[in-house]
Structures are given as C-alpha cells and as structure tokens.
Amino acid sequence: TALAMILGMLPIALALGEGGEQNAPLGRAVIGGLVMATVV
C-alpha cells in the first residue's frame, strides 16, 4: 500500500512536466509522511 502510493507520487514530487512545481509539495508531503509512517 505504501509503495504503490509512493511510486505514484514520485513523478509529482520531482515536478516533472510543465507546471509541475505547483503540485510538487503534495507529492513530497505524501512520500515523506508514508515513509516514516510505514516505519512507525
């Protein structure tokens, strides 16, 4: 569950594509939260 969400948010977190910087904070927050939440 965590990896599927992390991999899905990876292109958004890298701000790929035109205007990707707008949604990059969403992907980074999801990835960081899920990585630490999975360990916890």
PDB file of all heavy atoms in Angstrom:
ATOM      1  N   THR A   1       0.826  -1.214   0.000  1.00  0.00           N
ATOM      2  CA  THR A   1       0.000   0.000   0.000  1.00  0.00           C
ATOM      3  C   THR A   1       0.858   1.260   0.000  1.00  0.00           C
ATOM      4  O   THR A   1       0.609   2.213  -0.763  1.00  0.00           O
ATOM      5  CB  THR A   1      -0.922  -0.001   1.222  1.00  0.00           C
ATOM      6  OG1 THR A   1      -1.726  -1.184   1.208  1.00  0.00           O
ATOM      7  CG2 THR A   1      -1.825   1.219   1.223  1.00  0.00           C
ATOM      8  N   ALA A   2       1.883   1.274   0.850  1.00  0.00           N
ATOM      9  CA  ALA A   2       2.741   2.459   0.936  1.00  0.00           C
ATOM     10  C   ALA A   2       3.562   2.650  -0.338  1.00  0.00           C
ATOM     11  O   ALA A   2       3.666   3.766  -0.864  1.00  0.00           O
ATOM     12  CB  ALA A   2       3.659   2.343   2.149  1.00  0.00           C
ATOM     13  N   LEU A   3       4.139   1.559  -0.866  1.00  0.00           N
ATOM     14  CA  LEU A   3       4.964   1.677  -2.066  1.00  0.00           C
ATOM     15  C   LEU A   3       4.147   2.093  -3.281  1.00  0.00           C
ATOM     16  O   LEU A   3       4.618   2.867  -4.119  1.00  0.00           O
ATOM     17  CB  LEU A   3       5.682   0.344  -2.337  1.00  0.00           C
ATOM     18  CG  LEU A   3       6.834   0.001  -1.394  1.00  0.00           C
ATOM     19  CD1 LEU A   3       7.407  -1.371  -1.710  1.00  0.00           C
ATOM     20  CD2 LEU A   3       7.939   1.058  -1.493  1.00  0.00           C
ATOM     21  N   ALA A   4       2.933   1.579  -3.390  1.00  0.00           N
ATOM     22  CA  ALA A   4       2.087   1.964  -4.523  1.00  0.00           C
ATOM     23  C   ALA A   4       1.819   3.466  -4.496  1.00  0.00           C
ATOM     24  O   ALA A   4       1.876   4.148  -5.536  1.00  0.00           O
ATOM     25  CB  ALA A   4       0.780   1.183  -4.486  1.00  0.00           C
ATOM     26  N   MET A   5       1.537   4.002  -3.316  1.00  0.00           N
ATOM     27  CA  MET A   5       1.276   5.440  -3.206  1.00  0.00           C
ATOM     28  C   MET A   5       2.551   6.246  -3.421  1.00  0.00           C
ATOM     29  O   MET A   5       2.535   7.294  -4.083  1.00  0.00           O
ATOM     30  CB  MET A   5       0.688   5.744  -1.830  1.00  0.00           C
ATOM     31  CG  MET A   5       0.048   7.114  -1.729  1.00  0.00           C
ATOM     32  SD  MET A   5      -1.412   7.233  -2.769  1.00  0.00           S
ATOM     33  CE  MET A   5      -1.957   8.896  -2.375  1.00  0.00           C
ATOM     34  N   ILE A   6       3.677   5.769  -2.892  1.00  0.00           N
ATOM     35  CA  ILE A   6       4.945   6.490  -3.036  1.00  0.00           C
ATOM     36  C   ILE A   6       5.377   6.539  -4.493  1.00  0.00           C
ATOM     37  O   ILE A   6       5.775   7.589  -5.020  1.00  0.00           O
ATOM     38  CB  ILE A   6       6.026   5.845  -2.149  1.00  0.00           C
ATOM     39  CG1 ILE A   6       5.710   6.084  -0.670  1.00  0.00           C
ATOM     40  CG2 ILE A   6       7.401   6.404  -2.490  1.00  0.00           C
ATOM     41  CD1 ILE A   6       6.636   5.346   0.275  1.00  0.00           C
ATOM     42  N   LEU A   7       5.319   5.388  -5.178  1.00  0.00           N
ATOM     43  CA  LEU A   7       5.717   5.355  -6.588  1.00  0.00           C
ATOM     44  C   LEU A   7       4.770   6.193  -7.452  1.00  0.00           C
ATOM     45  O   LEU A   7       5.193   6.811  -8.430  1.00  0.00           O
ATOM     46  CB  LEU A   7       5.752   3.910  -7.088  1.00  0.00           C
ATOM     47  CG  LEU A   7       6.816   3.015  -6.436  1.00  0.00           C
ATOM     48  CD1 LEU A   7       6.721   1.595  -6.972  1.00  0.00           C
ATOM     49  CD2 LEU A   7       8.212   3.580  -6.699  1.00  0.00           C
ATOM     50  N   GLY A   8       3.495   6.211  -7.097  1.00  0.00           N
ATOM     51  CA  GLY A   8       2.557   7.028  -7.850  1.00  0.00           C
ATOM     52  C   GLY A   8       2.798   8.518  -7.669  1.00  0.00           C
ATOM     53  O   GLY A   8       2.549   9.312  -8.591  1.00  0.00           O
ATOM     54  N   MET A   9       3.277   8.913  -6.498  1.00  0.00           N
ATOM     55  CA  MET A   9       3.537  10.322  -6.224  1.00  0.00           C
ATOM     56  C   MET A   9       4.948  10.764  -6.613  1.00  0.00           C
ATOM     57  O   MET A   9       5.240  11.964  -6.556  1.00  0.00           O
ATOM     58  CB  MET A   9       3.334  10.610  -4.729  1.00  0.00           C
ATOM     59  CG  MET A   9       1.884  10.589  -4.293  1.00  0.00           C
ATOM     60  SD  MET A   9       0.985  11.989  -5.008  1.00  0.00           S
ATOM     61  CE  MET A   9      -0.693  11.591  -4.510  1.00  0.00           C
ATOM     62  N   LEU A  10       5.794   9.836  -7.013  1.00  0.00           N
ATOM     63  CA  LEU A  10       7.180  10.196  -7.328  1.00  0.00           C
ATOM     64  C   LEU A  10       7.286  11.176  -8.498  1.00  0.00           C
ATOM     65  O   LEU A  10       8.027  12.174  -8.403  1.00  0.00           O
ATOM     66  CB  LEU A  10       7.989   8.926  -7.601  1.00  0.00           C
ATOM     67  CG  LEU A  10       9.515   9.098  -7.680  1.00  0.00           C
ATOM     68  CD1 LEU A  10      10.042   9.681  -6.375  1.00  0.00           C
ATOM     69  CD2 LEU A  10      10.191   7.776  -7.993  1.00  0.00           C
ATOM     70  N   PRO A  11       6.583  10.950  -9.635  1.00  0.00           N
ATOM     71  CA  PRO A  11       6.672  11.969 -10.709  1.00  0.00           C
ATOM     72  C   PRO A  11       6.167  13.341 -10.281  1.00  0.00           C
ATOM     73  O   PRO A  11       6.707  14.365 -10.712  1.00  0.00           O
ATOM     74  CB  PRO A  11       5.793  11.369 -11.820  1.00  0.00           C
ATOM     75  CG  PRO A  11       5.735   9.910 -11.529  1.00  0.00           C
ATOM     76  CD  PRO A  11       5.773   9.796 -10.039  1.00  0.00           C
ATOM     77  N   ILE A  12       5.138  13.371  -9.435  1.00  0.00           N
ATOM     78  CA  ILE A  12       4.632  14.658  -8.972  1.00  0.00           C
ATOM     79  C   ILE A  12       5.650  15.331  -8.058  1.00  0.00           C
ATOM     80  O   ILE A  12       5.870  16.547  -8.137  1.00  0.00           O
ATOM     81  CB  ILE A  12       3.292  14.468  -8.242  1.00  0.00           C
ATOM     82  CG1 ILE A  12       2.258  13.852  -9.185  1.00  0.00           C
ATOM     83  CG2 ILE A  12       2.778  15.788  -7.687  1.00  0.00           C
ATOM     84  CD1 ILE A  12       0.925  13.583  -8.530  1.00  0.00           C
ATOM     85  N   ALA A  13       6.296  14.545  -7.193  1.00  0.00           N
ATOM     86  CA  ALA A  13       7.283  15.118  -6.272  1.00  0.00           C
ATOM     87  C   ALA A  13       8.499  15.650  -7.003  1.00  0.00           C
ATOM     88  O   ALA A  13       9.123  16.625  -6.558  1.00  0.00           O
ATOM     89  CB  ALA A  13       7.704  14.069  -5.244  1.00  0.00           C
ATOM     90  N   LEU A  14       8.855  15.053  -8.151  1.00  0.00           N
ATOM     91  CA  LEU A  14      10.008  15.520  -8.923  1.00  0.00           C
ATOM     92  C   LEU A  14       9.672  16.703  -9.810  1.00  0.00           C
ATOM     93  O   LEU A  14      10.556  17.217 -10.505  1.00  0.00           O
ATOM     94  CB  LEU A  14      10.550  14.365  -9.779  1.00  0.00           C
ATOM     95  CG  LEU A  14      11.118  13.172  -9.012  1.00  0.00           C
ATOM     96  CD1 LEU A  14      11.538  12.078  -9.971  1.00  0.00           C
ATOM     97  CD2 LEU A  14      12.284  13.600  -8.125  1.00  0.00           C
ATOM     98  N   ALA A  15       8.413  17.138  -9.799  1.00  0.00           N
ATOM     99  CA  ALA A  15       7.970  18.297 -10.584  1.00  0.00           C
ATOM    100  C   ALA A  15       8.259  18.118 -12.062  1.00  0.00           C
ATOM    101  O   ALA A  15       8.753  19.022 -12.744  1.00  0.00           O
ATOM    102  CB  ALA A  15       8.612  19.581 -10.055  1.00  0.00           C
ATOM    103  N   LEU A  16       7.958  16.922 -12.570  1.00  0.00           N
ATOM    104  CA  LEU A  16       8.168  16.652 -13.981  1.00  0.00           C
ATOM    105  C   LEU A  16       7.038  17.257 -14.804  1.00  0.00           C
ATOM    106  O   LEU A  16       5.888  17.255 -14.399  1.00  0.00           O
ATOM    107  CB  LEU A  16       8.234  15.137 -14.220  1.00  0.00           C
ATOM    108  CG  LEU A  16       9.351  14.391 -13.471  1.00  0.00           C
ATOM    109  CD1 LEU A  16       9.278  12.906 -13.762  1.00  0.00           C
ATOM    110  CD2 LEU A  16      10.716  14.955 -13.854  1.00  0.00           C
ATOM    111  N   GLY A  17       7.381  17.755 -15.958  1.00  0.00           N
ATOM    112  CA  GLY A  17       6.380  18.328 -16.839  1.00  0.00           C
ATOM    113  C   GLY A  17       6.197  19.813 -16.598  1.00  0.00           C
ATOM    114  O   GLY A  17       6.660  20.389 -15.603  1.00  0.00           O
ATOM    115  N   GLU A  18       5.488  20.445 -17.524  1.00  0.00           N
ATOM    116  CA  GLU A  18       5.254  21.874 -17.433  1.00  0.00           C
ATOM    117  C   GLU A  18       4.281  22.188 -16.304  1.00  0.00           C
ATOM    118  O   GLU A  18       3.223  21.577 -16.198  1.00  0.00           O
ATOM    119  CB  GLU A  18       4.690  22.394 -18.762  1.00  0.00           C
ATOM    120  CG  GLU A  18       4.541  23.894 -18.830  1.00  0.00           C
ATOM    121  CD  GLU A  18       4.053  24.359 -20.185  1.00  0.00           C
ATOM    122  OE1 GLU A  18       3.882  23.482 -21.063  1.00  0.00           O
ATOM    123  OE2 GLU A  18       3.851  25.564 -20.359  1.00  0.00           O
ATOM    124  N   GLY A  19       4.645  23.125 -15.451  1.00  0.00           N
ATOM    125  CA  GLY A  19       3.805  23.488 -14.315  1.00  0.00           C
ATOM    126  C   GLY A  19       3.819  22.470 -13.191  1.00  0.00           C
ATOM    127  O   GLY A  19       2.944  22.504 -12.320  1.00  0.00           O
ATOM    128  N   GLY A  20       4.792  21.568 -13.190  1.00  0.00           N
ATOM    129  CA  GLY A  20       4.844  20.539 -12.152  1.00  0.00           C
ATOM    130  C   GLY A  20       5.222  21.077 -10.787  1.00  0.00           C
ATOM    131  O   GLY A  20       4.963  20.417  -9.772  1.00  0.00           O
ATOM    132  N   GLU A  21       5.820  22.269 -10.738  1.00  0.00           N
ATOM    133  CA  GLU A  21       6.204  22.823  -9.437  1.00  0.00           C
ATOM    134  C   GLU A  21       4.996  23.122  -8.564  1.00  0.00           C
ATOM    135  O   GLU A  21       5.115  23.195  -7.338  1.00  0.00           O
ATOM    136  CB  GLU A  21       7.011  24.109  -9.643  1.00  0.00           C
ATOM    137  CG  GLU A  21       8.348  23.913 -10.359  1.00  0.00           C
ATOM    138  CD  GLU A  21       8.180  23.887 -11.870  1.00  0.00           C
ATOM    139  OE1 GLU A  21       7.018  24.052 -12.312  1.00  0.00           O
ATOM    140  OE2 GLU A  21       9.171  23.701 -12.590  1.00  0.00           O
ATOM    141  N   GLN A  22       3.835  23.311  -9.180  1.00  0.00           N
ATOM    142  CA  GLN A  22       2.654  23.665  -8.394  1.00  0.00           C
ATOM    143  C   GLN A  22       2.202  22.507  -7.515  1.00  0.00           C
ATOM    144  O   GLN A  22       1.797  22.713  -6.367  1.00  0.00           O
ATOM    145  CB  GLN A  22       1.521  24.082  -9.334  1.00  0.00           C
ATOM    146  CG  GLN A  22       0.247  24.487  -8.612  1.00  0.00           C
ATOM    147  CD  GLN A  22      -0.841  24.936  -9.562  1.00  0.00           C
ATOM    148  OE1 GLN A  22      -0.623  24.962 -10.787  1.00  0.00           O
ATOM    149  NE2 GLN A  22      -1.994  25.289  -9.046  1.00  0.00           N
ATOM    150  N   ASN A  23       2.247  21.271  -8.036  1.00  0.00           N
ATOM    151  CA  ASN A  23       1.783  20.109  -7.286  1.00  0.00           C
ATOM    152  C   ASN A  23       2.912  19.342  -6.616  1.00  0.00           C
ATOM    153  O   ASN A  23       2.649  18.320  -5.973  1.00  0.00           O
ATOM    154  CB  ASN A  23       1.018  19.161  -8.221  1.00  0.00           C
ATOM    155  CG  ASN A  23      -0.245  19.790  -8.771  1.00  0.00           C
ATOM    156  OD1 ASN A  23      -0.909  20.555  -8.089  1.00  0.00           O
ATOM    157  ND2 ASN A  23      -0.566  19.480 -10.016  1.00  0.00           N
ATOM    158  N   ALA A  24       4.162  19.803  -6.769  1.00  0.00           N
ATOM    159  CA  ALA A  24       5.293  19.087  -6.159  1.00  0.00           C
ATOM    160  C   ALA A  24       5.179  19.001  -4.641  1.00  0.00           C
ATOM    161  O   ALA A  24       5.477  17.939  -4.062  1.00  0.00           O
ATOM    162  CB  ALA A  24       6.601  19.749  -6.567  1.00  0.00           C
ATOM    163  N   PRO A  25       4.747  20.052  -3.910  1.00  0.00           N
ATOM    164  CA  PRO A  25       4.632  19.906  -2.449  1.00  0.00           C
ATOM    165  C   PRO A  25       3.670  18.801  -2.023  1.00  0.00           C
ATOM    166  O   PRO A  25       3.900  18.151  -0.999  1.00  0.00           O
ATOM    167  CB  PRO A  25       4.123  21.284  -2.007  1.00  0.00           C
ATOM    168  CG  PRO A  25       4.591  22.217  -3.059  1.00  0.00           C
ATOM    169  CD  PRO A  25       4.517  21.447  -4.336  1.00  0.00           C
ATOM    170  N   LEU A  26       2.624  18.546  -2.796  1.00  0.00           N
ATOM    171  CA  LEU A  26       1.684  17.476  -2.442  1.00  0.00           C
ATOM    172  C   LEU A  26       2.382  16.128  -2.486  1.00  0.00           C
ATOM    173  O   LEU A  26       2.268  15.317  -1.545  1.00  0.00           O
ATOM    174  CB  LEU A  26       0.492  17.515  -3.404  1.00  0.00           C
ATOM    175  CG  LEU A  26      -0.661  16.546  -3.125  1.00  0.00           C
ATOM    176  CD1 LEU A  26      -1.986  17.185  -3.533  1.00  0.00           C
ATOM    177  CD2 LEU A  26      -0.494  15.237  -3.920  1.00  0.00           C
ATOM    178  N   GLY A  27       3.091  15.847  -3.591  1.00  0.00           N
ATOM    179  CA  GLY A  27       3.779  14.566  -3.699  1.00  0.00           C
ATOM    180  C   GLY A  27       4.864  14.386  -2.659  1.00  0.00           C
ATOM    181  O   GLY A  27       5.033  13.292  -2.102  1.00  0.00           O
ATOM    182  N   ARG A  28       5.608  15.442  -2.363  1.00  0.00           N
ATOM    183  CA  ARG A  28       6.677  15.326  -1.369  1.00  0.00           C
ATOM    184  C   ARG A  28       6.119  15.086   0.027  1.00  0.00           C
ATOM    185  O   ARG A  28       6.692  14.309   0.809  1.00  0.00           O
ATOM    186  CB  ARG A  28       7.520  16.593  -1.398  1.00  0.00           C
ATOM    187  CG  ARG A  28       8.276  16.783  -2.704  1.00  0.00           C
ATOM    188  CD  ARG A  28       8.850  18.179  -2.853  1.00  0.00           C
ATOM    189  NE  ARG A  28       9.457  18.360  -4.171  1.00  0.00           N
ATOM    190  CZ  ARG A  28       9.895  19.523  -4.655  1.00  0.00           C
ATOM    191  NH1 ARG A  28       9.798  20.618  -3.892  1.00  0.00           N
ATOM    192  NH2 ARG A  28      10.428  19.606  -5.850  1.00  0.00           N
ATOM    193  N   ALA A  29       5.022  15.744   0.349  1.00  0.00           N
ATOM    194  CA  ALA A  29       4.417  15.517   1.664  1.00  0.00           C
ATOM    195  C   ALA A  29       3.901  14.089   1.789  1.00  0.00           C
ATOM    196  O   ALA A  29       4.067  13.448   2.843  1.00  0.00           O
ATOM    197  CB  ALA A  29       3.276  16.515   1.884  1.00  0.00           C
ATOM    198  N   VAL A  30       3.294  13.555   0.738  1.00  0.00           N
ATOM    199  CA  VAL A  30       2.785  12.186   0.786  1.00  0.00           C
ATOM    200  C   VAL A  30       3.932  11.189   0.929  1.00  0.00           C
ATOM    201  O   VAL A  30       3.872  10.255   1.740  1.00  0.00           O
ATOM    202  CB  VAL A  30       1.950  11.896  -0.476  1.00  0.00           C
ATOM    203  CG1 VAL A  30       1.601  10.412  -0.551  1.00  0.00           C
ATOM    204  CG2 VAL A  30       0.680  12.726  -0.480  1.00  0.00           C
ATOM    205  N   ILE A  31       4.990  11.390   0.156  1.00  0.00           N
ATOM    206  CA  ILE A  31       6.124  10.449   0.209  1.00  0.00           C
ATOM    207  C   ILE A  31       6.795  10.486   1.580  1.00  0.00           C
ATOM    208  O   ILE A  31       7.047   9.441   2.210  1.00  0.00           O
ATOM    209  CB  ILE A  31       7.130  10.791  -0.906  1.00  0.00           C
ATOM    210  CG1 ILE A  31       6.511  10.491  -2.275  1.00  0.00           C
ATOM    211  CG2 ILE A  31       8.416   9.985  -0.725  1.00  0.00           C
ATOM    212  CD1 ILE A  31       7.381  10.891  -3.442  1.00  0.00           C
ATOM    213  N   GLY A  32       7.097  11.677   2.076  1.00  0.00           N
ATOM    214  CA  GLY A  32       7.743  11.760   3.383  1.00  0.00           C
ATOM    215  C   GLY A  32       6.872  11.214   4.499  1.00  0.00           C
ATOM    216  O   GLY A  32       7.357  10.499   5.387  1.00  0.00           O
ATOM    217  N   GLY A  33       5.588  11.523   4.459  1.00  0.00           N
ATOM    218  CA  GLY A  33       4.698  11.022   5.502  1.00  0.00           C
ATOM    219  C   GLY A  33       4.552   9.513   5.468  1.00  0.00           C
ATOM    220  O   GLY A  33       4.545   8.862   6.528  1.00  0.00           O
ATOM    221  N   LEU A  34       4.443   8.925   4.266  1.00  0.00           N
ATOM    222  CA  LEU A  34       4.251   7.473   4.182  1.00  0.00           C
ATOM    223  C   LEU A  34       5.519   6.714   4.542  1.00  0.00           C
ATOM    224  O   LEU A  34       5.446   5.627   5.140  1.00  0.00           O
ATOM    225  CB  LEU A  34       3.789   7.091   2.776  1.00  0.00           C
ATOM    226  CG  LEU A  34       2.328   7.411   2.445  1.00  0.00           C
ATOM    227  CD1 LEU A  34       1.982   6.937   1.048  1.00  0.00           C
ATOM    228  CD2 LEU A  34       1.408   6.748   3.459  1.00  0.00           C
ATOM    229  N   VAL A  35       6.681   7.244   4.166  1.00  0.00           N
ATOM    230  CA  VAL A  35       7.932   6.549   4.511  1.00  0.00           C
ATOM    231  C   VAL A  35       8.082   6.430   6.023  1.00  0.00           C
ATOM    232  O   VAL A  35       8.335   5.352   6.577  1.00  0.00           O
ATOM    233  CB  VAL A  35       9.131   7.288   3.888  1.00  0.00           C
ATOM    234  CG1 VAL A  35      10.442   6.746   4.462  1.00  0.00           C
ATOM    235  CG2 VAL A  35       9.125   7.124   2.374  1.00  0.00           C
ATOM    236  N   MET A  36       7.922   7.534   6.720  1.00  0.00           N
ATOM    237  CA  MET A  36       8.077   7.492   8.168  1.00  0.00           C
ATOM    238  C   MET A  36       6.916   6.777   8.836  1.00  0.00           C
ATOM    239  O   MET A  36       7.114   6.038   9.825  1.00  0.00           O
ATOM    240  CB  MET A  36       8.196   8.929   8.704  1.00  0.00           C
ATOM    241  CG  MET A  36       8.515   9.009  10.192  1.00  0.00           C
ATOM    242  SD  MET A  36      10.099   8.221  10.606  1.00  0.00           S
ATOM    243  CE  MET A  36      11.226   9.318   9.747  1.00  0.00           C
ATOM    244  N   ALA A  37       5.692   6.948   8.322  1.00  0.00           N
ATOM    245  CA  ALA A  37       4.540   6.280   8.915  1.00  0.00           C
ATOM    246  C   ALA A  37       4.637   4.769   8.757  1.00  0.00           C
ATOM    247  O   ALA A  37       4.208   4.020   9.649  1.00  0.00           O
ATOM    248  CB  ALA A  37       3.251   6.801   8.277  1.00  0.00           C
ATOM    249  N   THR A  38       5.187   4.289   7.641  1.00  0.00           N
ATOM    250  CA  THR A  38       5.349   2.844   7.454  1.00  0.00           C
ATOM    251  C   THR A  38       6.347   2.267   8.456  1.00  0.00           C
ATOM    252  O   THR A  38       6.115   1.196   9.040  1.00  0.00           O
ATOM    253  CB  THR A  38       5.807   2.561   6.017  1.00  0.00           C
ATOM    254  OG1 THR A  38       4.855   3.099   5.099  1.00  0.00           O
ATOM    255  CG2 THR A  38       5.942   1.070   5.777  1.00  0.00           C
ATOM    256  N   VAL A  39       7.444   2.980   8.655  1.00  0.00           N
ATOM    257  CA  VAL A  39       8.427   2.516   9.643  1.00  0.00           C
ATOM    258  C   VAL A  39       7.815   2.508  11.037  1.00  0.00           C
ATOM    259  O   VAL A  39       7.993   1.544  11.820  1.00  0.00           O
ATOM    260  CB  VAL A  39       9.676   3.420   9.593  1.00  0.00           C
ATOM    261  CG1 VAL A  39      10.662   3.028  10.698  1.00  0.00           C
ATOM    262  CG2 VAL A  39      10.348   3.321   8.232  1.00  0.00           C
ATOM    263  N   VAL A  40       7.074   3.548  11.374  1.00  0.00           N
ATOM    264  CA  VAL A  40       6.439   3.608  12.687  1.00  0.00           C
ATOM    265  C   VAL A  40       5.378   2.520  12.829  1.00  0.00           C
ATOM    266  O   VAL A  40       5.252   1.885  13.893  1.00  0.00           O
ATOM    267  CB  VAL A  40       5.820   5.013  12.893  1.00  0.00           C
ATOM    268  CG1 VAL A  40       4.973   5.042  14.159  1.00  0.00           C
ATOM    269  CG2 VAL A  40       6.918   6.056  12.983  1.00  0.00           C
TER     270      VAL A  40
END
